[in-house]
Structure formats: structure tokens, C-alpha cells
N, C-alpha and C. Protein backbone atom coordinates (compact mmCIF):
# COMPACT_ATOMS: atom_id res chain seq x y z
N MET A 1 0.83 -1.18 0.00
CA MET A 1 0.00 0.00 0.00
C MET A 1 0.88 1.25 0.00
N PRO A 2 0.43 2.28 -0.68
CA PRO A 2 1.19 3.53 -0.65
C PRO A 2 1.20 4.13 0.76
N PRO A 3 2.26 4.85 1.08
CA PRO A 3 2.37 5.42 2.43
C PRO A 3 1.30 6.46 2.75
N ILE A 4 0.66 7.02 1.73
CA ILE A 4 -0.37 8.03 1.99
C ILE A 4 -1.54 7.43 2.76
N PHE A 5 -1.85 6.15 2.52
CA PHE A 5 -2.95 5.51 3.23
C PHE A 5 -2.62 5.32 4.70
N LYS A 6 -1.36 5.01 4.99
CA LYS A 6 -0.94 4.88 6.38
C LYS A 6 -1.01 6.23 7.08
N ALA A 7 -0.62 7.28 6.38
CA ALA A 7 -0.67 8.62 6.97
C ALA A 7 -2.11 9.05 7.22
N LEU A 8 -2.98 8.80 6.27
CA LEU A 8 -4.39 9.16 6.45
C LEU A 8 -5.03 8.35 7.57
N ALA A 9 -4.67 7.09 7.69
CA ALA A 9 -5.19 6.27 8.78
C ALA A 9 -4.71 6.79 10.13
N SER A 10 -3.44 7.19 10.20
CA SER A 10 -2.91 7.74 11.46
C SER A 10 -3.60 9.04 11.83
N ILE A 11 -3.84 9.88 10.85
CA ILE A 11 -4.53 11.15 11.11
C ILE A 11 -5.95 10.88 11.59
N THR A 12 -6.62 9.92 10.98
CA THR A 12 -7.98 9.56 11.39
C THR A 12 -8.01 9.05 12.82
N VAL A 13 -7.03 8.23 13.17
CA VAL A 13 -6.97 7.70 14.54
C VAL A 13 -6.82 8.84 15.54
N TRP A 14 -5.90 9.76 15.28
CA TRP A 14 -5.68 10.85 16.21
C TRP A 14 -6.87 11.78 16.30
N VAL A 15 -7.52 12.04 15.19
CA VAL A 15 -8.70 12.91 15.21
C VAL A 15 -9.81 12.26 16.02
N LEU A 16 -10.07 10.98 15.80
CA LEU A 16 -11.10 10.28 16.57
C LEU A 16 -10.76 10.25 18.05
N PHE A 17 -9.50 10.04 18.38
CA PHE A 17 -9.07 10.00 19.77
C PHE A 17 -9.27 11.35 20.45
N LEU A 18 -8.88 12.43 19.78
CA LEU A 18 -9.04 13.77 20.37
C LEU A 18 -10.50 14.19 20.47
N VAL A 19 -11.29 13.85 19.48
CA VAL A 19 -12.72 14.15 19.53
C VAL A 19 -13.38 13.37 20.67
N GLY A 20 -12.94 12.13 20.86
CA GLY A 20 -13.47 11.33 21.97
C GLY A 20 -13.18 11.97 23.31
N TRP A 21 -11.96 12.44 23.53
CA TRP A 21 -11.63 13.12 24.79
C TRP A 21 -12.41 14.41 24.95
N ASP A 22 -12.58 15.14 23.85
CA ASP A 22 -13.35 16.39 23.91
C ASP A 22 -14.80 16.11 24.32
N MET A 23 -15.38 15.09 23.74
CA MET A 23 -16.77 14.75 24.09
C MET A 23 -16.87 14.23 25.52
N LEU A 24 -15.86 13.50 25.97
CA LEU A 24 -15.86 13.00 27.34
C LEU A 24 -15.81 14.15 28.34
N PHE A 25 -14.97 15.15 28.08
CA PHE A 25 -14.92 16.32 28.95
C PHE A 25 -16.23 17.12 28.88
N GLY A 26 -16.84 17.18 27.70
CA GLY A 26 -18.13 17.85 27.57
C GLY A 26 -19.21 17.18 28.39
N ALA A 27 -19.20 15.84 28.39
CA ALA A 27 -20.17 15.11 29.20
C ALA A 27 -19.91 15.35 30.68
N TYR A 28 -18.64 15.39 31.07
CA TYR A 28 -18.30 15.65 32.47
C TYR A 28 -18.80 17.02 32.90
N PHE A 29 -18.58 18.03 32.07
CA PHE A 29 -19.02 19.37 32.42
C PHE A 29 -20.54 19.47 32.49
N ARG A 30 -21.23 18.72 31.63
CA ARG A 30 -22.69 18.75 31.67
C ARG A 30 -23.23 18.01 32.90
N ILE A 31 -22.63 16.88 33.23
CA ILE A 31 -23.14 16.09 34.35
C ILE A 31 -22.88 16.78 35.68
N PHE A 32 -21.67 17.22 35.90
CA PHE A 32 -21.30 17.77 37.19
C PHE A 32 -21.49 19.28 37.29
N GLY A 33 -21.94 19.91 36.22
CA GLY A 33 -22.23 21.34 36.26
C GLY A 33 -21.04 22.19 36.62
N VAL A 34 -19.88 21.86 36.09
CA VAL A 34 -18.66 22.59 36.42
C VAL A 34 -18.73 24.03 35.92
N THR A 35 -19.41 24.23 34.81
CA THR A 35 -19.44 25.57 34.23
C THR A 35 -20.50 26.46 34.85
N SER A 36 -21.44 25.91 35.61
CA SER A 36 -22.48 26.73 36.21
C SER A 36 -22.41 26.65 37.73
N LEU A 37 -22.93 27.64 38.38
CA LEU A 37 -22.92 27.67 39.84
C LEU A 37 -24.17 27.05 40.45
N GLY A 38 -25.20 26.88 39.65
CA GLY A 38 -26.46 26.35 40.15
C GLY A 38 -26.45 24.83 40.22
N PRO A 39 -27.55 24.27 40.71
CA PRO A 39 -27.66 22.81 40.79
C PRO A 39 -27.79 22.19 39.40
N ILE A 40 -27.56 20.89 39.32
CA ILE A 40 -27.63 20.18 38.04
C ILE A 40 -29.10 20.08 37.64
N SER A 41 -29.40 20.54 36.45
CA SER A 41 -30.79 20.46 35.98
C SER A 41 -31.00 19.14 35.25
N THR A 42 -32.22 18.67 35.26
CA THR A 42 -32.51 17.41 34.59
C THR A 42 -32.49 17.55 33.08
N SER A 43 -32.52 18.78 32.57
CA SER A 43 -32.47 18.96 31.12
C SER A 43 -31.08 18.70 30.55
N GLU A 44 -30.06 18.65 31.40
CA GLU A 44 -28.70 18.39 30.93
C GLU A 44 -28.41 16.91 30.76
N TRP A 45 -29.17 16.02 31.37
CA TRP A 45 -28.86 14.60 31.32
C TRP A 45 -28.93 14.00 29.92
N PRO A 46 -29.94 14.31 29.09
CA PRO A 46 -29.93 13.71 27.75
C PRO A 46 -28.73 14.13 26.92
N SER A 47 -28.35 15.39 26.99
CA SER A 47 -27.20 15.84 26.20
C SER A 47 -25.91 15.25 26.75
N ALA A 48 -25.82 15.09 28.07
CA ALA A 48 -24.63 14.48 28.66
C ALA A 48 -24.54 13.01 28.29
N THR A 49 -25.67 12.33 28.25
CA THR A 49 -25.67 10.92 27.86
C THR A 49 -25.25 10.76 26.41
N LEU A 50 -25.74 11.63 25.54
CA LEU A 50 -25.34 11.58 24.14
C LEU A 50 -23.85 11.89 23.98
N CYS A 51 -23.35 12.84 24.73
CA CYS A 51 -21.93 13.18 24.68
C CYS A 51 -21.07 11.99 25.13
N PHE A 52 -21.47 11.37 26.23
CA PHE A 52 -20.72 10.24 26.74
C PHE A 52 -20.75 9.06 25.76
N THR A 53 -21.92 8.79 25.18
CA THR A 53 -22.05 7.72 24.20
C THR A 53 -21.21 8.00 22.96
N GLY A 54 -21.21 9.25 22.52
CA GLY A 54 -20.38 9.63 21.37
C GLY A 54 -18.90 9.48 21.66
N ALA A 55 -18.49 9.79 22.89
CA ALA A 55 -17.09 9.65 23.27
C ALA A 55 -16.67 8.19 23.23
N ILE A 56 -17.50 7.32 23.79
CA ILE A 56 -17.19 5.90 23.78
C ILE A 56 -17.13 5.37 22.34
N ALA A 57 -18.05 5.83 21.49
CA ALA A 57 -18.04 5.41 20.09
C ALA A 57 -16.77 5.89 19.39
N CYS A 58 -16.33 7.11 19.67
CA CYS A 58 -15.10 7.62 19.06
C CYS A 58 -13.89 6.82 19.50
N PHE A 59 -13.84 6.44 20.77
CA PHE A 59 -12.72 5.64 21.25
C PHE A 59 -12.71 4.25 20.59
N ILE A 60 -13.87 3.65 20.45
CA ILE A 60 -13.95 2.33 19.80
C ILE A 60 -13.56 2.44 18.33
N LEU A 61 -14.04 3.46 17.64
CA LEU A 61 -13.67 3.65 16.24
C LEU A 61 -12.20 3.96 16.08
N SER A 62 -11.62 4.65 17.05
CA SER A 62 -10.20 4.94 17.02
C SER A 62 -9.38 3.64 17.11
N VAL A 63 -9.79 2.74 17.98
CA VAL A 63 -9.10 1.45 18.10
C VAL A 63 -9.25 0.64 16.81
N CYS A 64 -10.45 0.65 16.24
CA CYS A 64 -10.67 -0.08 14.99
C CYS A 64 -9.83 0.50 13.86
N ALA A 65 -9.73 1.81 13.79
CA ALA A 65 -8.92 2.44 12.76
C ALA A 65 -7.44 2.12 12.96
N MET A 66 -6.99 2.03 14.20
CA MET A 66 -5.59 1.68 14.45
C MET A 66 -5.32 0.23 14.04
N LYS A 67 -6.28 -0.65 14.30
CA LYS A 67 -6.12 -2.04 13.87
C LYS A 67 -6.03 -2.12 12.33
N LEU A 68 -6.87 -1.34 11.64
CA LEU A 68 -6.80 -1.32 10.18
C LEU A 68 -5.47 -0.75 9.70
N ARG A 69 -4.96 0.25 10.40
CA ARG A 69 -3.68 0.82 10.00
C ARG A 69 -2.56 -0.19 10.17
N LYS A 70 -2.62 -0.97 11.24
CA LYS A 70 -1.60 -2.00 11.46
C LYS A 70 -1.69 -3.09 10.38
N MET A 71 -2.89 -3.33 9.87
CA MET A 71 -3.05 -4.31 8.81
C MET A 71 -2.44 -3.82 7.50
N LEU A 72 -2.32 -2.50 7.32
CA LEU A 72 -1.74 -1.94 6.10
C LEU A 72 -0.22 -2.14 6.04
N GLU A 73 0.39 -2.41 7.17
CA GLU A 73 1.85 -2.57 7.20
C GLU A 73 2.30 -3.90 6.64
């Protein structure tokens, strides 16, 4: 395989990994209300759940993309 595919796979892995961490921190801020001084509202739970689920999905896809990249070698 040409090296460009390995480079694109590596970039994809890092992007998915960083997006996963970003979403995980977003879920943390929504759940624990770090950005607000008031109590946690129940309207934040659906968005926090979606953020957390998206983070887990990004981490799983990142691992899958790394496995595919290793197969290209």
C-alpha cells in the first residue's frame, strides 16, 4: 500500500481520539455542572448521555482504525 494511506489512517486515529476526549470532557461538564454555579438540571442529562455515548463510540472507532492501520503494514 502507498504510504499516503498509512498517513491518512494515522490522522484519522488521532482525530477520533481527540474528539473522543473532547466529548468526554463535555459530558463531564454537563453532568457535574462545572461551568455553572447552580444545581444540576434534569435537562442536561440527555445531552450528557449523548456526549458520553459519542465519546465511547469515538474511542472504539479509534481502536478499529488503528487495527486497520496495522493491517496496512
